[in-house]
Amino acid sequence: MKTLGERSATGMDSERGVYVISVRVMSTPLRDYIYANDVILGFNRQEINNLTQLKAAIRQADTNKPVQILIFRNQKKMQLTIPGNIIKPTTD
C-alpha cells in the first residue's frame, strides 16, 4: 500500500502490506479467498510490506500445500488458509 488514499479506503493505520485492487484471475479458486480491497499483511508467517516481498514469499513457499495468509479486511485482521495448488508462483 503506497498512498494515503489506499490507506483511507481500507481503514488501515499505516501504509503497509499489499493492497488488492482486483483479483485478476477471476476464473480461479483464489477469488473465493482474496477480494478486492483486501490488504495482504503476511504470507506463510512472513510479514509482507510490499509487492516484492509478497512475490519472494510465494516463490519460497511450497504452494502445493496449504498456505497461511494474513489479510486486513473490513477494518480487521483475518487469517486465511489457502488450500494447496491454488496459488501459483509468478515468473516475473
Protein backbone atom coordinates (compact mmCIF):
# COMPACT_ATOMS: atom_id res chain seq x y z
CA MET A 1 0.00 0.00 0.00
CA LYS A 2 1.61 3.21 -1.15
CA THR A 3 -0.82 6.08 -0.86
CA LEU A 4 -2.91 7.80 1.75
CA GLY A 5 -5.97 7.17 -0.46
CA GLU A 6 -5.39 3.41 -0.42
CA ARG A 7 -4.86 3.52 3.35
CA SER A 8 -8.03 5.52 3.83
CA ALA A 9 -10.06 3.17 1.61
CA THR A 10 -9.14 0.18 3.76
CA GLY A 11 -9.14 1.79 7.20
CA MET A 12 -5.51 0.77 7.79
CA ASP A 13 -3.47 2.54 10.46
CA SER A 14 -0.36 2.81 8.28
CA GLU A 15 0.83 2.28 4.72
CA ARG A 16 1.97 -1.35 4.83
CA GLY A 17 1.09 -4.59 3.11
CA VAL A 18 -0.08 -5.18 -0.45
CA TYR A 19 -3.37 -3.58 -1.43
CA VAL A 20 -5.50 -5.81 -3.68
CA ILE A 21 -7.12 -3.61 -6.30
CA SER A 22 -8.82 -6.53 -8.03
CA VAL A 23 -8.48 -10.28 -8.37
CA ARG A 24 -7.28 -10.51 -11.95
CA VAL A 25 -7.79 -14.24 -12.43
CA MET A 26 -11.48 -14.41 -11.55
CA SER A 27 -11.88 -17.90 -13.04
CA THR A 28 -9.57 -19.45 -10.44
CA PRO A 29 -10.49 -20.60 -6.93
CA LEU A 30 -8.30 -17.82 -5.45
CA ARG A 31 -11.24 -15.43 -5.96
CA ASP A 32 -13.03 -17.34 -3.18
CA TYR A 33 -10.36 -16.23 -0.67
CA ILE A 34 -8.84 -12.90 -1.72
CA TYR A 35 -11.13 -9.96 -2.51
CA ALA A 36 -10.68 -6.51 -3.97
CA ASN A 37 -9.75 -4.00 -1.21
CA ASP A 38 -8.05 -6.66 0.93
CA VAL A 39 -4.58 -5.80 2.20
CA ILE A 40 -2.15 -8.71 2.38
CA LEU A 41 -0.05 -8.29 5.53
CA GLY A 42 1.54 -11.73 5.81
CA PHE A 43 2.22 -14.82 3.75
CA ASN A 44 3.27 -18.14 5.31
CA ARG A 45 4.24 -16.41 8.57
CA GLN A 46 6.36 -13.78 6.78
CA GLU A 47 5.50 -10.11 7.19
CA ILE A 48 4.62 -8.50 3.87
CA ASN A 49 5.13 -4.77 3.33
CA ASN A 50 5.31 -4.56 -0.46
CA LEU A 51 4.75 -6.49 -3.69
CA THR A 52 8.40 -7.51 -3.99
CA GLN A 53 8.24 -9.22 -0.58
CA LEU A 54 4.98 -10.95 -1.48
CA LYS A 55 6.37 -12.32 -4.74
CA ALA A 56 9.51 -13.58 -2.96
CA ALA A 57 7.44 -15.25 -0.22
CA ILE A 58 5.29 -17.00 -2.83
CA ARG A 59 8.36 -18.24 -4.71
CA GLN A 60 9.85 -19.61 -1.47
CA ALA A 61 6.66 -21.37 -0.33
CA ASP A 62 5.58 -24.88 -1.15
CA THR A 63 2.31 -23.84 -2.75
CA ASN A 64 1.36 -27.48 -3.29
CA LYS A 65 0.49 -27.42 0.42
CA PRO A 66 -1.92 -25.08 2.25
CA VAL A 67 -0.51 -21.63 2.97
CA GLN A 68 -1.47 -19.08 5.63
CA ILE A 69 -2.23 -15.52 4.59
CA LEU A 70 -2.82 -12.65 7.00
CA ILE A 71 -5.10 -10.02 5.49
CA PHE A 72 -6.80 -6.83 6.59
CA ARG A 73 -10.46 -6.77 5.50
CA ASN A 74 -13.39 -4.72 6.76
CA GLN A 75 -11.13 -2.91 9.24
CA LYS A 76 -9.86 -6.07 10.97
CA LYS A 77 -7.10 -8.63 10.57
CA MET A 78 -8.06 -12.09 9.37
CA GLN A 79 -6.02 -15.28 8.99
CA LEU A 80 -6.86 -17.31 5.88
CA THR A 81 -5.75 -20.79 4.91
CA ILE A 82 -5.47 -21.18 1.16
CA PRO A 83 -5.53 -24.83 0.06
CA GLY A 84 -2.60 -26.21 -1.89
CA ASN A 85 -2.30 -25.80 -5.64
CA ILE A 86 -4.37 -22.59 -5.76
CA ILE A 87 -1.57 -20.01 -5.54
CA LYS A 88 0.88 -20.18 -8.43
CA PRO A 89 4.31 -18.52 -8.30
CA THR A 90 4.84 -15.76 -10.85
CA THR A 91 7.58 -15.90 -13.43
CA ASP A 92 8.44 -12.18 -13.30
